[in-house]
């Protein structure tokens, strides 16, 4: 696989036998800055078995400094909530009309919120939204009667995460252009959330590995003790 000069330079500076503190790892990643603003992510490998429902790790967290990207929010609601959603910053708000647009191929949004009474209406597009991770659900906090607060949180940088089949969790923590402190605080918020959501049925080591990486940069192993 072809790797750029900056990638190779950063990779060569990483000691593969060492686990880094969060701030030090961010400083290393910043050496890979390119013409576009890369997304920084934390990757977890967890000691859980996602095949068991009581060991599925999922949650939401509002990043203190946002994600660094503009989030287009669609809200399925009706009556007074239409104006509430728009006043809170929703980019789109409606009901059956938006369902029809999605069925016709429209997907110009990043997050979806719905009031409980709209769930039967949007069930028609569950197969479209579900695989994209945008189907509203109570566990993710996107099926709610508090439309205004949810929209504001999503706009401010609320993210959701869920363990995959390989017991991994991937979560964005901002852009590489963020300051070291901003990225560190965002990453700590995600790490703390994942730690707090440890299933009671999980035995042994919960976080087997923790890695920090960016879009076009190598992964850097983090030391949990130094990170927290």
C-alpha atoms as a PDB file:
ATOM      1  CA  UNK A   1       0.000   0.000   0.000  1.00  0.00           C
ATOM      2  CA  UNK A   2       1.300   3.455  -0.950  1.00  0.00           C
ATOM      3  CA  UNK A   3       1.934   5.755   1.995  1.00  0.00           C
ATOM      4  CA  UNK A   4       2.722   9.469   1.831  1.00  0.00           C
ATOM      5  CA  UNK A   5       5.892  11.029   3.215  1.00  0.00           C
ATOM      6  CA  UNK A   6       4.119  12.538   6.227  1.00  0.00           C
ATOM      7  CA  UNK A   7       2.462   9.209   7.065  1.00  0.00           C
ATOM      8  CA  UNK A   8       5.808   7.422   6.939  1.00  0.00           C
ATOM      9  CA  UNK A   9       7.481  10.136   9.008  1.00  0.00           C
ATOM     10  CA  UNK A  10       4.852   9.883  11.723  1.00  0.00           C
ATOM     11  CA  UNK A  11       4.867   6.073  11.630  1.00  0.00           C
ATOM     12  CA  UNK A  12       8.645   6.002  12.050  1.00  0.00           C
ATOM     13  CA  UNK A  13       8.425   8.263  15.107  1.00  0.00           C
ATOM     14  CA  UNK A  14       6.033   5.921  16.925  1.00  0.00           C
ATOM     15  CA  UNK A  15       7.492   3.355  19.307  1.00  0.00           C
ATOM     16  CA  UNK A  16       5.303   0.294  18.746  1.00  0.00           C
ATOM     17  CA  UNK A  17       6.359  -1.123  22.112  1.00  0.00           C
ATOM     18  CA  UNK A  18       5.137   1.944  23.974  1.00  0.00           C
ATOM     19  CA  UNK A  19       1.695   3.134  25.061  1.00  0.00           C
ATOM     20  CA  UNK A  20       1.416   6.935  24.960  1.00  0.00           C
ATOM     21  CA  UNK A  21      -0.348   9.520  27.049  1.00  0.00           C
ATOM     22  CA  UNK A  22      -3.187  11.312  25.280  1.00  0.00           C
ATOM     23  CA  UNK A  23      -1.499  14.709  24.879  1.00  0.00           C
ATOM     24  CA  UNK A  24       1.718  13.139  23.580  1.00  0.00           C
ATOM     25  CA  UNK A  25      -0.215  11.030  21.060  1.00  0.00           C
ATOM     26  CA  UNK A  26      -2.074  14.096  19.787  1.00  0.00           C
ATOM     27  CA  UNK A  27       1.190  15.984  19.342  1.00  0.00           C
ATOM     28  CA  UNK A  28       2.503  13.129  17.205  1.00  0.00           C
ATOM     29  CA  UNK A  29      -0.658  13.028  15.075  1.00  0.00           C
ATOM     30  CA  UNK A  30      -0.400  16.762  14.431  1.00  0.00           C
ATOM     31  CA  UNK A  31       2.813  16.093  12.491  1.00  0.00           C
ATOM     32  CA  UNK A  32       0.622  14.479   9.827  1.00  0.00           C
ATOM     33  CA  UNK A  33      -1.415  17.636   9.084  1.00  0.00           C
ATOM     34  CA  UNK A  34      -2.379  17.850   5.412  1.00  0.00           C
ATOM     35  CA  UNK A  35      -4.243  20.295   3.168  1.00  0.00           C
ATOM     36  CA  UNK A  36      -7.590  18.979   4.440  1.00  0.00           C
ATOM     37  CA  UNK A  37      -8.656  18.850   8.069  1.00  0.00           C
ATOM     38  CA  UNK A  38      -8.460  15.223   9.167  1.00  0.00           C
ATOM     39  CA  UNK A  39     -10.909  13.670  11.613  1.00  0.00           C
ATOM     40  CA  UNK A  40      -9.369  12.325  14.807  1.00  0.00           C
ATOM     41  CA  UNK A  41     -10.862   9.144  16.266  1.00  0.00           C
ATOM     42  CA  UNK A  42     -10.479   6.877  19.269  1.00  0.00           C
ATOM     43  CA  UNK A  43     -10.768   3.146  18.668  1.00  0.00           C
ATOM     44  CA  UNK A  44     -11.537   0.678  21.453  1.00  0.00           C
ATOM     45  CA  UNK A  45     -11.237  -3.092  21.482  1.00  0.00           C
ATOM     46  CA  UNK A  46     -13.439  -4.317  24.326  1.00  0.00           C
ATOM     47  CA  UNK A  47     -13.572  -7.492  26.359  1.00  0.00           C
ATOM     48  CA  UNK A  48     -17.243  -8.109  25.622  1.00  0.00           C
ATOM     49  CA  UNK A  49     -19.192 -10.528  23.467  1.00  0.00           C
ATOM     50  CA  UNK A  50     -21.622  -8.473  21.323  1.00  0.00           C
ATOM     51  CA  UNK A  51     -23.503 -11.667  20.465  1.00  0.00           C
ATOM     52  CA  UNK A  52     -25.065 -11.419  23.908  1.00  0.00           C
ATOM     53  CA  UNK A  53     -27.579  -8.591  24.237  1.00  0.00           C
ATOM     54  CA  UNK A  54     -26.490  -7.847  27.792  1.00  0.00           C
ATOM     55  CA  UNK A  55     -22.950  -7.126  26.579  1.00  0.00           C
ATOM     56  CA  UNK A  56     -23.781  -4.653  23.821  1.00  0.00           C
ATOM     57  CA  UNK A  57     -21.999  -1.390  24.593  1.00  0.00           C
ATOM     58  CA  UNK A  58     -23.654   1.744  23.254  1.00  0.00           C
ATOM     59  CA  UNK A  59     -24.106   5.320  24.358  1.00  0.00           C
ATOM     60  CA  UNK A  60     -24.116   8.990  23.500  1.00  0.00           C
ATOM     61  CA  UNK A  61     -21.875  11.836  24.614  1.00  0.00           C
ATOM     62  CA  UNK A  62     -21.740  15.560  23.906  1.00  0.00           C
ATOM     63  CA  UNK A  63     -18.173  16.487  22.962  1.00  0.00           C
ATOM     64  CA  UNK A  64     -17.091  19.576  24.975  1.00  0.00           C
ATOM     65  CA  UNK A  65     -15.651  21.205  21.840  1.00  0.00           C
ATOM     66  CA  UNK A  66     -17.925  19.707  19.200  1.00  0.00           C
ATOM     67  CA  UNK A  67     -17.004  17.514  16.261  1.00  0.00           C
ATOM     68  CA  UNK A  68     -15.673  20.258  14.019  1.00  0.00           C
ATOM     69  CA  UNK A  69     -18.272  19.574  11.368  1.00  0.00           C
ATOM     70  CA  UNK A  70     -21.685  20.998  10.591  1.00  0.00           C
ATOM     71  CA  UNK A  71     -24.465  18.519  11.404  1.00  0.00           C
ATOM     72  CA  UNK A  72     -27.653  18.609   9.351  1.00  0.00           C
ATOM     73  CA  UNK A  73     -30.517  17.490  11.578  1.00  0.00           C
ATOM     74  CA  UNK A  74     -33.833  16.134  10.342  1.00  0.00           C
ATOM     75  CA  UNK A  75     -36.746  15.942  12.782  1.00  0.00           C
ATOM     76  CA  UNK A  76     -39.872  13.856  12.276  1.00  0.00           C
ATOM     77  CA  UNK A  77     -42.631  15.581  14.216  1.00  0.00           C
ATOM     78  CA  UNK A  78     -45.943  17.396  13.813  1.00  0.00           C
ATOM     79  CA  UNK A  79     -48.116  20.201  15.141  1.00  0.00           C
ATOM     80  CA  UNK A  80     -46.354  22.564  17.590  1.00  0.00           C
ATOM     81  CA  UNK A  81     -43.129  20.550  17.486  1.00  0.00           C
ATOM     82  CA  UNK A  82     -42.535  21.647  13.885  1.00  0.00           C
ATOM     83  CA  UNK A  83     -41.874  25.214  14.986  1.00  0.00           C
ATOM     84  CA  UNK A  84     -40.013  24.058  18.110  1.00  0.00           C
ATOM     85  CA  UNK A  85     -37.649  21.953  15.998  1.00  0.00           C
ATOM     86  CA  UNK A  86     -36.936  24.748  13.528  1.00  0.00           C
ATOM     87  CA  UNK A  87     -36.400  27.291  16.306  1.00  0.00           C
ATOM     88  CA  UNK A  88     -33.885  24.942  17.942  1.00  0.00           C
ATOM     89  CA  UNK A  89     -31.865  24.766  14.725  1.00  0.00           C
ATOM     90  CA  UNK A  90     -33.244  21.736  12.883  1.00  0.00           C
ATOM     91  CA  UNK A  91     -32.472  21.853   9.173  1.00  0.00           C
ATOM     92  CA  UNK A  92     -35.592  19.902   8.221  1.00  0.00           C
ATOM     93  CA  UNK A  93     -38.815  19.112  10.078  1.00  0.00           C
ATOM     94  CA  UNK A  94     -41.880  17.273   8.861  1.00  0.00           C
ATOM     95  CA  UNK A  95     -43.622  13.933   8.601  1.00  0.00           C
ATOM     96  CA  UNK A  96     -44.939  11.823   5.731  1.00  0.00           C
ATOM     97  CA  UNK A  97     -43.633  14.357   3.214  1.00  0.00           C
ATOM     98  CA  UNK A  98     -40.041  13.734   4.333  1.00  0.00           C
ATOM     99  CA  UNK A  99     -40.587   9.967   4.371  1.00  0.00           C
ATOM    100  CA  UNK A 100     -41.594  10.159   0.723  1.00  0.00           C
ATOM    101  CA  UNK A 101     -38.517  12.232  -0.138  1.00  0.00           C
ATOM    102  CA  UNK A 102     -36.265   9.625   1.516  1.00  0.00           C
ATOM    103  CA  UNK A 103     -38.016   6.840  -0.394  1.00  0.00           C
ATOM    104  CA  UNK A 104     -37.199   8.770  -3.574  1.00  0.00           C
ATOM    105  CA  UNK A 105     -33.489   8.815  -2.661  1.00  0.00           C
ATOM    106  CA  UNK A 106     -33.058  12.037  -0.663  1.00  0.00           C
ATOM    107  CA  UNK A 107     -30.414  11.709   2.089  1.00  0.00           C
ATOM    108  CA  UNK A 108     -29.062  15.232   2.588  1.00  0.00           C
ATOM    109  CA  UNK A 109     -28.906  15.022   6.390  1.00  0.00           C
ATOM    110  CA  UNK A 110     -26.572  13.621   9.051  1.00  0.00           C
ATOM    111  CA  UNK A 111     -28.802  12.901  12.060  1.00  0.00           C
ATOM    112  CA  UNK A 112     -32.457  12.037  12.562  1.00  0.00           C
ATOM    113  CA  UNK A 113     -34.702  12.776  15.536  1.00  0.00           C
ATOM    114  CA  UNK A 114     -38.315  11.703  15.974  1.00  0.00           C
ATOM    115  CA  UNK A 115     -41.088  12.194  18.486  1.00  0.00           C
ATOM    116  CA  UNK A 116     -42.593   8.876  19.706  1.00  0.00           C
ATOM    117  CA  UNK A 117     -45.852   9.392  17.808  1.00  0.00           C
ATOM    118  CA  UNK A 118     -43.946   9.563  14.499  1.00  0.00           C
ATOM    119  CA  UNK A 119     -42.266   6.145  14.748  1.00  0.00           C
ATOM    120  CA  UNK A 120     -45.054   4.294  12.879  1.00  0.00           C
ATOM    121  CA  UNK A 121     -44.767   6.882  10.093  1.00  0.00           C
ATOM    122  CA  UNK A 122     -41.013   6.523   9.612  1.00  0.00           C
ATOM    123  CA  UNK A 123     -41.039   2.714   9.830  1.00  0.00           C
ATOM    124  CA  UNK A 124     -41.362   2.790   6.044  1.00  0.00           C
ATOM    125  CA  UNK A 125     -37.773   4.060   5.736  1.00  0.00           C
ATOM    126  CA  UNK A 126     -36.230   1.986   8.538  1.00  0.00           C
ATOM    127  CA  UNK A 127     -34.364  -0.124   5.977  1.00  0.00           C
ATOM    128  CA  UNK A 128     -32.832   3.035   4.538  1.00  0.00           C
ATOM    129  CA  UNK A 129     -31.937   4.793   7.790  1.00  0.00           C
ATOM    130  CA  UNK A 130     -30.988   1.704   9.813  1.00  0.00           C
ATOM    131  CA  UNK A 131     -27.897   0.589   7.852  1.00  0.00           C
ATOM    132  CA  UNK A 132     -26.655   4.191   7.912  1.00  0.00           C
ATOM    133  CA  UNK A 133     -26.932   4.371  11.684  1.00  0.00           C
ATOM    134  CA  UNK A 134     -29.553   7.120  11.515  1.00  0.00           C
ATOM    135  CA  UNK A 135     -32.738   5.326  12.536  1.00  0.00           C
ATOM    136  CA  UNK A 136     -34.067   7.091  15.665  1.00  0.00           C
ATOM    137  CA  UNK A 137     -34.131   4.996  18.835  1.00  0.00           C
ATOM    138  CA  UNK A 138     -34.892   5.625  22.522  1.00  0.00           C
ATOM    139  CA  UNK A 139     -31.509   4.154  23.575  1.00  0.00           C
ATOM    140  CA  UNK A 140     -29.662   6.663  21.397  1.00  0.00           C
ATOM    141  CA  UNK A 141     -31.828   9.472  22.724  1.00  0.00           C
ATOM    142  CA  UNK A 142     -33.140  10.331  19.269  1.00  0.00           C
ATOM    143  CA  UNK A 143     -36.721   9.280  19.972  1.00  0.00           C
ATOM    144  CA  UNK A 144     -37.807  11.998  22.353  1.00  0.00           C
ATOM    145  CA  UNK A 145     -40.502  14.441  23.374  1.00  0.00           C
ATOM    146  CA  UNK A 146     -37.809  17.017  24.151  1.00  0.00           C
ATOM    147  CA  UNK A 147     -37.139  17.965  20.548  1.00  0.00           C
ATOM    148  CA  UNK A 148     -35.451  21.305  21.217  1.00  0.00           C
ATOM    149  CA  UNK A 149     -32.829  19.947  23.617  1.00  0.00           C
ATOM    150  CA  UNK A 150     -31.993  16.974  21.409  1.00  0.00           C
ATOM    151  CA  UNK A 151     -31.560  19.137  18.314  1.00  0.00           C
ATOM    152  CA  UNK A 152     -29.334  21.589  20.191  1.00  0.00           C
ATOM    153  CA  UNK A 153     -27.165  18.743  21.533  1.00  0.00           C
ATOM    154  CA  UNK A 154     -26.708  17.246  18.072  1.00  0.00           C
ATOM    155  CA  UNK A 155     -25.809  20.637  16.664  1.00  0.00           C
ATOM    156  CA  UNK A 156     -23.356  21.196  19.531  1.00  0.00           C
ATOM    157  CA  UNK A 157     -21.490  17.942  18.918  1.00  0.00           C
ATOM    158  CA  UNK A 158     -23.421  15.046  20.411  1.00  0.00           C
ATOM    159  CA  UNK A 159     -22.221  11.716  19.033  1.00  0.00           C
ATOM    160  CA  UNK A 160     -23.401   8.153  19.481  1.00  0.00           C
ATOM    161  CA  UNK A 161     -21.359   4.963  19.462  1.00  0.00           C
ATOM    162  CA  UNK A 162     -22.075   1.246  19.441  1.00  0.00           C
ATOM    163  CA  UNK A 163     -19.860  -1.807  19.686  1.00  0.00           C
ATOM    164  CA  UNK A 164     -19.539  -3.729  16.413  1.00  0.00           C
ATOM    165  CA  UNK A 165     -19.432  -7.498  15.809  1.00  0.00           C
ATOM    166  CA  UNK A 166     -15.692  -7.539  16.471  1.00  0.00           C
ATOM    167  CA  UNK A 167     -16.137  -5.950  19.932  1.00  0.00           C
ATOM    168  CA  UNK A 168     -14.752  -2.640  18.648  1.00  0.00           C
ATOM    169  CA  UNK A 169     -16.008   0.895  19.210  1.00  0.00           C
ATOM    170  CA  UNK A 170     -14.998   3.742  16.883  1.00  0.00           C
ATOM    171  CA  UNK A 171     -15.787   7.344  17.796  1.00  0.00           C
ATOM    172  CA  UNK A 172     -14.771  10.742  16.349  1.00  0.00           C
ATOM    173  CA  UNK A 173     -13.305  13.246  18.816  1.00  0.00           C
ATOM    174  CA  UNK A 174     -12.808  16.300  16.606  1.00  0.00           C
ATOM    175  CA  UNK A 175     -10.577  17.649  13.862  1.00  0.00           C
ATOM    176  CA  UNK A 176      -6.790  17.671  13.719  1.00  0.00           C
ATOM    177  CA  UNK A 177      -6.884  21.485  13.582  1.00  0.00           C
ATOM    178  CA  UNK A 178      -8.271  21.513  17.140  1.00  0.00           C
ATOM    179  CA  UNK A 179      -5.831  22.389  19.899  1.00  0.00           C
ATOM    180  CA  UNK A 180      -4.196  19.603  21.894  1.00  0.00           C
ATOM    181  CA  UNK A 181      -6.341  20.491  24.920  1.00  0.00           C
ATOM    182  CA  UNK A 182      -9.570  20.481  22.895  1.00  0.00           C
ATOM    183  CA  UNK A 183      -8.873  17.068  21.383  1.00  0.00           C
ATOM    184  CA  UNK A 184      -7.774  15.696  24.749  1.00  0.00           C
ATOM    185  CA  UNK A 185     -10.947  16.890  26.493  1.00  0.00           C
ATOM    186  CA  UNK A 186     -13.158  15.490  23.724  1.00  0.00           C
ATOM    187  CA  UNK A 187     -11.339  12.145  23.810  1.00  0.00           C
ATOM    188  CA  UNK A 188     -11.581  11.923  27.596  1.00  0.00           C
ATOM    189  CA  UNK A 189     -15.337  12.560  27.402  1.00  0.00           C
ATOM    190  CA  UNK A 190     -15.743   9.603  25.028  1.00  0.00           C
ATOM    191  CA  UNK A 191     -13.441   7.334  27.033  1.00  0.00           C
ATOM    192  CA  UNK A 192     -15.244   8.144  30.283  1.00  0.00           C
ATOM    193  CA  UNK A 193     -18.594   7.417  28.617  1.00  0.00           C
ATOM    194  CA  UNK A 194     -17.453   4.024  27.318  1.00  0.00           C
ATOM    195  CA  UNK A 195     -16.018   3.149  30.749  1.00  0.00           C
ATOM    196  CA  UNK A 196     -19.277   4.100  32.485  1.00  0.00           C
ATOM    197  CA  UNK A 197     -21.252   1.944  30.041  1.00  0.00           C
ATOM    198  CA  UNK A 198     -19.355  -1.226  30.931  1.00  0.00           C
ATOM    199  CA  UNK A 199     -21.905  -4.074  31.037  1.00  0.00           C
ATOM    200  CA  UNK A 200     -22.308  -5.713  34.437  1.00  0.00           C
ATOM    201  CA  UNK A 201     -21.981  -9.102  32.753  1.00  0.00           C
ATOM    202  CA  UNK A 202     -18.548  -8.229  31.313  1.00  0.00           C
ATOM    203  CA  UNK A 203     -15.771 -10.117  33.093  1.00  0.00           C
ATOM    204  CA  UNK A 204     -12.013  -9.696  32.954  1.00  0.00           C
ATOM    205  CA  UNK A 205     -10.315  -6.834  31.134  1.00  0.00           C
ATOM    206  CA  UNK A 206     -12.924  -4.444  29.746  1.00  0.00           C
ATOM    207  CA  UNK A 207     -10.801  -2.180  27.528  1.00  0.00           C
ATOM    208  CA  UNK A 208      -8.253  -4.466  25.883  1.00  0.00           C
ATOM    209  CA  UNK A 209      -6.754  -1.746  23.712  1.00  0.00           C
ATOM    210  CA  UNK A 210      -7.248   1.940  23.046  1.00  0.00           C
ATOM    211  CA  UNK A 211      -5.920   3.675  19.950  1.00  0.00           C
ATOM    212  CA  UNK A 212      -5.868   7.255  18.701  1.00  0.00           C
ATOM    213  CA  UNK A 213      -5.700   7.905  14.990  1.00  0.00           C
ATOM    214  CA  UNK A 214      -6.588  10.389  12.233  1.00  0.00           C
ATOM    215  CA  UNK A 215      -7.945   9.963   8.709  1.00  0.00           C
ATOM    216  CA  UNK A 216      -4.530   9.750   7.022  1.00  0.00           C
ATOM    217  CA  UNK A 217      -2.336   8.843   9.977  1.00  0.00           C
ATOM    218  CA  UNK A 218      -1.198   5.651  11.709  1.00  0.00           C
ATOM    219  CA  UNK A 219      -2.820   4.521  14.943  1.00  0.00           C
ATOM    220  CA  UNK A 220      -1.097   5.303  18.248  1.00  0.00           C
ATOM    221  CA  UNK A 221      -1.598   3.015  21.227  1.00  0.00           C
ATOM    222  CA  UNK A 222      -2.794   4.853  24.312  1.00  0.00           C
ATOM    223  CA  UNK A 223      -1.981   4.118  27.947  1.00  0.00           C
ATOM    224  CA  UNK A 224      -5.301   3.975  29.808  1.00  0.00           C
ATOM    225  CA  UNK A 225      -3.710   5.037  33.110  1.00  0.00           C
ATOM    226  CA  UNK A 226      -2.001   8.072  31.583  1.00  0.00           C
ATOM    227  CA  UNK A 227      -5.063   8.929  29.476  1.00  0.00           C
ATOM    228  CA  UNK A 228      -7.503   9.044  32.384  1.00  0.00           C
END
